[in-house]
Amino acid sequence: MNTGTFVAILVAALSRLAFAQDLPEIYHPDPNDKDPWADVSLRIESLICSTQAQCTVRARGVHHGESVGLEVVVGAIDGQRRGVSYRSIGKESDRFLRALAQLYKVPDRVSAMNVATFADAVILGGSVGAMRSQRIDMKVFFYADGPESKYAELYTNVDPVRHVLEIHEKDPEYRANVIKALAK
């Protein structure tokens, strides 16, 4: 390896580290909890509402020093159904999925996130139309129409005031199926 190549690699590595350090850590376990929930929070970078019924949230964070991220489309349409779509933004989403699998203690190896995964959703608080300025809380259902062996639930909340996208688990029994639903 010549000096120029070494310097280029060093600059790239330091730039990536500096970039990642500007983002918040996605997971903050309670040190007093023996078996904490694996709830994650990412910083909202953009929130674009193309209509009163659909908004796209791009959010990123850091896990173990590496940047992670994804897009969430609230009000996504799949046939006649409206719900939530979790969309990949590339390698950061692949790292997000691996981080979530690690936090969920899912032993299956996952390498990449689906381009998009649709899930049915029920709004528990707030509204899509007011999402630019008010928090919206949703309960999300993967494979709501079956098969039951793939079924899973999550909470996904968007807080534009705090600039936070929260992905909270509903129950640890759904962990493996959440990862399977999001993985390629």
C-alpha atoms as a PDB file:
ATOM      1  CA  MET A   1       0.000   0.000   0.000  1.00  0.00           C
ATOM      2  CA  ASN A   2       1.487   3.335  -0.985  1.00  0.00           C
ATOM      3  CA  THR A   3       1.287   6.507   1.087  1.00  0.00           C
ATOM      4  CA  GLY A   4      -1.448   8.076  -1.067  1.00  0.00           C
ATOM      5  CA  THR A   5      -3.716   5.050  -0.692  1.00  0.00           C
ATOM      6  CA  PHE A   6      -3.118   4.931   3.066  1.00  0.00           C
ATOM      7  CA  VAL A   7      -3.948   8.629   3.457  1.00  0.00           C
ATOM      8  CA  ALA A   8      -7.123   8.243   1.365  1.00  0.00           C
ATOM      9  CA  ILE A   9      -8.290   5.287   3.486  1.00  0.00           C
ATOM     10  CA  LEU A  10      -7.491   7.161   6.705  1.00  0.00           C
ATOM     11  CA  VAL A  11      -9.378  10.282   5.591  1.00  0.00           C
ATOM     12  CA  ALA A  12     -12.388   8.193   4.519  1.00  0.00           C
ATOM     13  CA  ALA A  13     -12.458   6.331   7.849  1.00  0.00           C
ATOM     14  CA  LEU A  14     -12.141   9.509   9.907  1.00  0.00           C
ATOM     15  CA  SER A  15     -14.830  11.254   7.834  1.00  0.00           C
ATOM     16  CA  ARG A  16     -17.222   8.353   8.367  1.00  0.00           C
ATOM     17  CA  LEU A  17     -16.539   8.360  12.106  1.00  0.00           C
ATOM     18  CA  ALA A  18     -17.013  12.140  12.369  1.00  0.00           C
ATOM     19  CA  PHE A  19     -20.238  11.926  10.342  1.00  0.00           C
ATOM     20  CA  ALA A  20     -21.608   9.130  12.513  1.00  0.00           C
ATOM     21  CA  GLN A  21     -20.741  11.008  15.711  1.00  0.00           C
ATOM     22  CA  ASP A  22     -23.177  13.805  14.756  1.00  0.00           C
ATOM     23  CA  LEU A  23     -26.040  11.308  14.951  1.00  0.00           C
ATOM     24  CA  PRO A  24     -27.622  10.017  18.178  1.00  0.00           C
ATOM     25  CA  GLU A  25     -27.229   6.456  19.435  1.00  0.00           C
ATOM     26  CA  ILE A  26     -30.448   4.586  18.586  1.00  0.00           C
ATOM     27  CA  TYR A  27     -30.621   2.424  21.705  1.00  0.00           C
ATOM     28  CA  HIS A  28     -30.525   3.504  25.349  1.00  0.00           C
ATOM     29  CA  PRO A  29     -31.292   0.557  27.642  1.00  0.00           C
ATOM     30  CA  ASP A  30     -32.365   1.099  31.218  1.00  0.00           C
ATOM     31  CA  PRO A  31     -29.424  -0.148  33.317  1.00  0.00           C
ATOM     32  CA  ASN A  32     -31.839  -1.196  36.081  1.00  0.00           C
ATOM     33  CA  ASP A  33     -33.905  -3.415  33.780  1.00  0.00           C
ATOM     34  CA  LYS A  34     -32.726  -7.064  33.625  1.00  0.00           C
ATOM     35  CA  ASP A  35     -34.453  -7.699  30.285  1.00  0.00           C
ATOM     36  CA  PRO A  36     -35.040  -4.305  28.657  1.00  0.00           C
ATOM     37  CA  TRP A  37     -37.268  -3.694  25.693  1.00  0.00           C
ATOM     38  CA  ALA A  38     -35.280  -3.154  22.511  1.00  0.00           C
ATOM     39  CA  ASP A  39     -36.893   0.177  21.629  1.00  0.00           C
ATOM     40  CA  VAL A  40     -34.978   2.413  19.226  1.00  0.00           C
ATOM     41  CA  SER A  41     -35.133   6.110  18.380  1.00  0.00           C
ATOM     42  CA  LEU A  42     -33.675   7.770  15.304  1.00  0.00           C
ATOM     43  CA  ARG A  43     -33.308  11.454  14.409  1.00  0.00           C
ATOM     44  CA  ILE A  44     -35.724  12.660  11.752  1.00  0.00           C
ATOM     45  CA  GLU A  45     -33.783  14.232   8.896  1.00  0.00           C
ATOM     46  CA  SER A  46     -36.764  14.954   6.700  1.00  0.00           C
ATOM     47  CA  LEU A  47     -40.529  14.765   6.889  1.00  0.00           C
ATOM     48  CA  ILE A  48     -42.273  15.317   3.572  1.00  0.00           C
ATOM     49  CA  CYS A  49     -46.038  15.128   3.234  1.00  0.00           C
ATOM     50  CA  SER A  50     -47.010  14.688  -0.407  1.00  0.00           C
ATOM     51  CA  THR A  51     -50.705  14.729   0.556  1.00  0.00           C
ATOM     52  CA  GLN A  52     -52.820  15.155   3.695  1.00  0.00           C
ATOM     53  CA  ALA A  53     -52.938  11.345   3.879  1.00  0.00           C
ATOM     54  CA  GLN A  54     -49.293  10.380   3.263  1.00  0.00           C
ATOM     55  CA  CYS A  55     -45.976  11.484   4.761  1.00  0.00           C
ATOM     56  CA  THR A  56     -42.464  10.145   4.280  1.00  0.00           C
ATOM     57  CA  VAL A  57     -40.044  10.268   7.198  1.00  0.00           C
ATOM     58  CA  ARG A  58     -36.313   9.739   6.709  1.00  0.00           C
ATOM     59  CA  ALA A  59     -34.465   9.096   9.945  1.00  0.00           C
ATOM     60  CA  ARG A  60     -30.950   8.127  10.931  1.00  0.00           C
ATOM     61  CA  GLY A  61     -28.891   7.340  13.978  1.00  0.00           C
ATOM     62  CA  VAL A  62     -25.838   5.427  15.133  1.00  0.00           C
ATOM     63  CA  HIS A  63     -25.386   1.951  16.545  1.00  0.00           C
ATOM     64  CA  HIS A  64     -21.931   0.917  17.786  1.00  0.00           C
ATOM     65  CA  GLY A  65     -20.333   3.796  15.856  1.00  0.00           C
ATOM     66  CA  GLU A  66     -21.954   3.021  12.496  1.00  0.00           C
ATOM     67  CA  SER A  67     -24.642   5.139  10.870  1.00  0.00           C
ATOM     68  CA  VAL A  68     -28.021   3.449  10.421  1.00  0.00           C
ATOM     69  CA  GLY A  69     -31.265   4.679   8.925  1.00  0.00           C
ATOM     70  CA  LEU A  70     -34.460   4.078   6.999  1.00  0.00           C
ATOM     71  CA  GLU A  71     -37.545   5.726   5.572  1.00  0.00           C
ATOM     72  CA  VAL A  72     -41.032   5.220   6.919  1.00  0.00           C
ATOM     73  CA  VAL A  73     -44.017   6.133   4.767  1.00  0.00           C
ATOM     74  CA  VAL A  74     -47.075   6.802   6.912  1.00  0.00           C
ATOM     75  CA  GLY A  75     -50.276   6.418   4.913  1.00  0.00           C
ATOM     76  CA  ALA A  76     -48.654   4.098   2.361  1.00  0.00           C
ATOM     77  CA  ILE A  77     -51.082   2.314   0.063  1.00  0.00           C
ATOM     78  CA  ASP A  78     -51.039  -1.400  -0.758  1.00  0.00           C
ATOM     79  CA  GLY A  79     -54.003  -2.258  -2.953  1.00  0.00           C
ATOM     80  CA  GLN A  80     -57.074  -1.113  -1.041  1.00  0.00           C
ATOM     81  CA  ARG A  81     -55.228  -0.884   2.288  1.00  0.00           C
ATOM     82  CA  ARG A  82     -53.517   2.076   3.881  1.00  0.00           C
ATOM     83  CA  GLY A  83     -50.749   1.561   6.420  1.00  0.00           C
ATOM     84  CA  VAL A  84     -47.028   2.026   6.897  1.00  0.00           C
ATOM     85  CA  SER A  85     -44.159   1.143   4.582  1.00  0.00           C
ATOM     86  CA  TYR A  86     -40.620   0.690   5.910  1.00  0.00           C
ATOM     87  CA  ARG A  87     -38.221   1.533   3.078  1.00  0.00           C
ATOM     88  CA  SER A  88     -34.520   0.982   2.625  1.00  0.00           C
ATOM     89  CA  ILE A  89     -32.169   3.887   1.982  1.00  0.00           C
ATOM     90  CA  GLY A  90     -29.292   1.536   1.153  1.00  0.00           C
ATOM     91  CA  LYS A  91     -26.415   0.311   3.300  1.00  0.00           C
ATOM     92  CA  GLU A  92     -27.545   2.352   6.309  1.00  0.00           C
ATOM     93  CA  SER A  93     -30.821   0.429   6.294  1.00  0.00           C
ATOM     94  CA  ASP A  94     -28.970  -2.880   6.030  1.00  0.00           C
ATOM     95  CA  ARG A  95     -26.967  -1.846   9.103  1.00  0.00           C
ATOM     96  CA  PHE A  96     -30.182  -0.734  10.838  1.00  0.00           C
ATOM     97  CA  LEU A  97     -31.746  -4.147  10.275  1.00  0.00           C
ATOM     98  CA  ARG A  98     -28.628  -5.946  11.551  1.00  0.00           C
ATOM     99  CA  ALA A  99     -28.588  -3.652  14.618  1.00  0.00           C
ATOM    100  CA  LEU A 100     -32.272  -4.367  15.293  1.00  0.00           C
ATOM    101  CA  ALA A 101     -31.660  -8.124  14.913  1.00  0.00           C
ATOM    102  CA  GLN A 102     -28.762  -7.882  17.375  1.00  0.00           C
ATOM    103  CA  LEU A 103     -30.859  -5.887  19.873  1.00  0.00           C
ATOM    104  CA  TYR A 104     -33.725  -8.351  19.442  1.00  0.00           C
ATOM    105  CA  LYS A 105     -31.289 -11.247  19.960  1.00  0.00           C
ATOM    106  CA  VAL A 106     -32.471 -12.880  16.737  1.00  0.00           C
ATOM    107  CA  PRO A 107     -29.894 -15.558  15.871  1.00  0.00           C
ATOM    108  CA  ASP A 108     -30.649 -15.673  12.126  1.00  0.00           C
ATOM    109  CA  ARG A 109     -28.102 -13.855   9.998  1.00  0.00           C
ATOM    110  CA  VAL A 110     -29.602 -10.957   8.068  1.00  0.00           C
ATOM    111  CA  SER A 111     -27.680  -9.117   5.404  1.00  0.00           C
ATOM    112  CA  ALA A 112     -30.033  -6.662   3.757  1.00  0.00           C
ATOM    113  CA  MET A 113     -33.302  -4.845   4.297  1.00  0.00           C
ATOM    114  CA  ASN A 114     -36.162  -5.188   1.820  1.00  0.00           C
ATOM    115  CA  VAL A 115     -36.559  -2.288  -0.570  1.00  0.00           C
ATOM    116  CA  ALA A 116     -40.005  -1.787   1.006  1.00  0.00           C
ATOM    117  CA  THR A 117     -42.138  -3.678   3.522  1.00  0.00           C
ATOM    118  CA  PHE A 118     -45.804  -2.791   3.922  1.00  0.00           C
ATOM    119  CA  ALA A 119     -47.684  -3.257   7.190  1.00  0.00           C
ATOM    120  CA  ASP A 120     -51.228  -2.430   8.256  1.00  0.00           C
ATOM    121  CA  ALA A 121     -51.445   0.295  10.899  1.00  0.00           C
ATOM    122  CA  VAL A 122     -53.861   1.738  13.415  1.00  0.00           C
ATOM    123  CA  ILE A 123     -53.352   5.320  14.542  1.00  0.00           C
ATOM    124  CA  LEU A 124     -53.406   5.455  18.335  1.00  0.00           C
ATOM    125  CA  GLY A 125     -52.838   9.204  18.644  1.00  0.00           C
ATOM    126  CA  GLY A 126     -52.503  12.137  16.279  1.00  0.00           C
ATOM    127  CA  SER A 127     -53.286  12.208  12.561  1.00  0.00           C
ATOM    128  CA  VAL A 128     -51.392  11.971   9.294  1.00  0.00           C
ATOM    129  CA  GLY A 129     -52.784  15.355   8.227  1.00  0.00           C
ATOM    130  CA  ALA A 130     -51.226  17.064  11.267  1.00  0.00           C
ATOM    131  CA  MET A 131     -48.003  15.054  11.228  1.00  0.00           C
ATOM    132  CA  ARG A 132     -45.775  17.967  10.187  1.00  0.00           C
ATOM    133  CA  SER A 133     -46.323  19.613  13.573  1.00  0.00           C
ATOM    134  CA  GLN A 134     -47.835  17.013  15.898  1.00  0.00           C
ATOM    135  CA  ARG A 135     -46.803  13.599  17.167  1.00  0.00           C
ATOM    136  CA  ILE A 136     -48.463  10.535  15.682  1.00  0.00           C
ATOM    137  CA  ASP A 137     -48.461   7.137  17.427  1.00  0.00           C
ATOM    138  CA  MET A 138     -49.229   3.948  15.506  1.00  0.00           C
ATOM    139  CA  LYS A 139     -49.555   0.253  16.142  1.00  0.00           C
ATOM    140  CA  VAL A 140     -48.280  -1.672  13.118  1.00  0.00           C
ATOM    141  CA  PHE A 141     -49.261  -5.187  11.999  1.00  0.00           C
ATOM    142  CA  PHE A 142     -47.076  -7.277   9.676  1.00  0.00           C
ATOM    143  CA  TYR A 143     -48.965  -9.996   7.784  1.00  0.00           C
ATOM    144  CA  ALA A 144     -52.258  -9.030   9.406  1.00  0.00           C
ATOM    145  CA  ASP A 145     -54.069 -11.323   6.950  1.00  0.00           C
ATOM    146  CA  GLY A 146     -51.737 -14.243   7.653  1.00  0.00           C
ATOM    147  CA  PRO A 147     -50.104 -16.558   7.687  1.00  0.00           C
ATOM    148  CA  GLU A 148     -50.068 -16.513  11.476  1.00  0.00           C
ATOM    149  CA  SER A 149     -46.520 -17.919  11.483  1.00  0.00           C
ATOM    150  CA  LYS A 150     -45.319 -14.576  10.002  1.00  0.00           C
ATOM    151  CA  TYR A 151     -47.529 -12.241  12.059  1.00  0.00           C
ATOM    152  CA  ALA A 152     -45.842  -9.491  14.112  1.00  0.00           C
ATOM    153  CA  GLU A 153     -46.644  -6.152  15.732  1.00  0.00           C
ATOM    154  CA  LEU A 154     -44.642  -2.977  16.433  1.00  0.00           C
ATOM    155  CA  TYR A 155     -45.263   0.566  17.579  1.00  0.00           C
ATOM    156  CA  THR A 156     -43.991   3.281  15.284  1.00  0.00           C
ATOM    157  CA  ASN A 157     -44.208   6.880  16.449  1.00  0.00           C
ATOM    158  CA  VAL A 158     -43.225  10.094  14.695  1.00  0.00           C
ATOM    159  CA  ASP A 159     -42.521  13.160  16.818  1.00  0.00           C
ATOM    160  CA  PRO A 160     -41.750  16.136  14.545  1.00  0.00           C
ATOM    161  CA  VAL A 161     -41.351  18.524  17.486  1.00  0.00           C
ATOM    162  CA  ARG A 162     -38.514  16.468  19.008  1.00  0.00           C
ATOM    163  CA  HIS A 163     -37.353  15.279  15.525  1.00  0.00           C
ATOM    164  CA  VAL A 164     -37.583  11.630  16.616  1.00  0.00           C
ATOM    165  CA  LEU A 165     -38.790   8.460  14.890  1.00  0.00           C
ATOM    166  CA  GLU A 166     -39.446   5.738  17.462  1.00  0.00           C
ATOM    167  CA  ILE A 167     -39.687   2.048  16.649  1.00  0.00           C
ATOM    168  CA  HIS A 168     -40.816   0.253  19.787  1.00  0.00           C
ATOM    169  CA  GLU A 169     -41.476  -3.410  20.159  1.00  0.00           C
ATOM    170  CA  LYS A 170     -44.958  -4.580  21.116  1.00  0.00           C
ATOM    171  CA  ASP A 171     -43.845  -7.879  22.607  1.00  0.00           C
ATOM    172  CA  PRO A 172     -40.572  -9.846  22.508  1.00  0.00           C
ATOM    173  CA  GLU A 173     -42.413 -12.830  20.983  1.00  0.00           C
ATOM    174  CA  TYR A 174     -42.690 -10.824  17.728  1.00  0.00           C
ATOM    175  CA  ARG A 175     -38.955 -10.063  17.422  1.00  0.00           C
ATOM    176  CA  ALA A 176     -37.997 -12.804  14.947  1.00  0.00           C
ATOM    177  CA  ASN A 177     -40.994 -12.124  12.696  1.00  0.00           C
ATOM    178  CA  VAL A 178     -40.316  -8.362  12.651  1.00  0.00           C
ATOM    179  CA  ILE A 179     -36.776  -9.058  11.429  1.00  0.00           C
ATOM    180  CA  LYS A 180     -38.023 -11.578   8.848  1.00  0.00           C
ATOM    181  CA  ALA A 181     -40.632  -9.109   7.574  1.00  0.00           C
ATOM    182  CA  LEU A 182     -38.036  -6.363   7.068  1.00  0.00           C
ATOM    183  CA  ALA A 183     -35.274  -8.593   5.634  1.00  0.00           C
ATOM    184  CA  LYS A 184     -34.732  -9.524   1.991  1.00  0.00           C
END
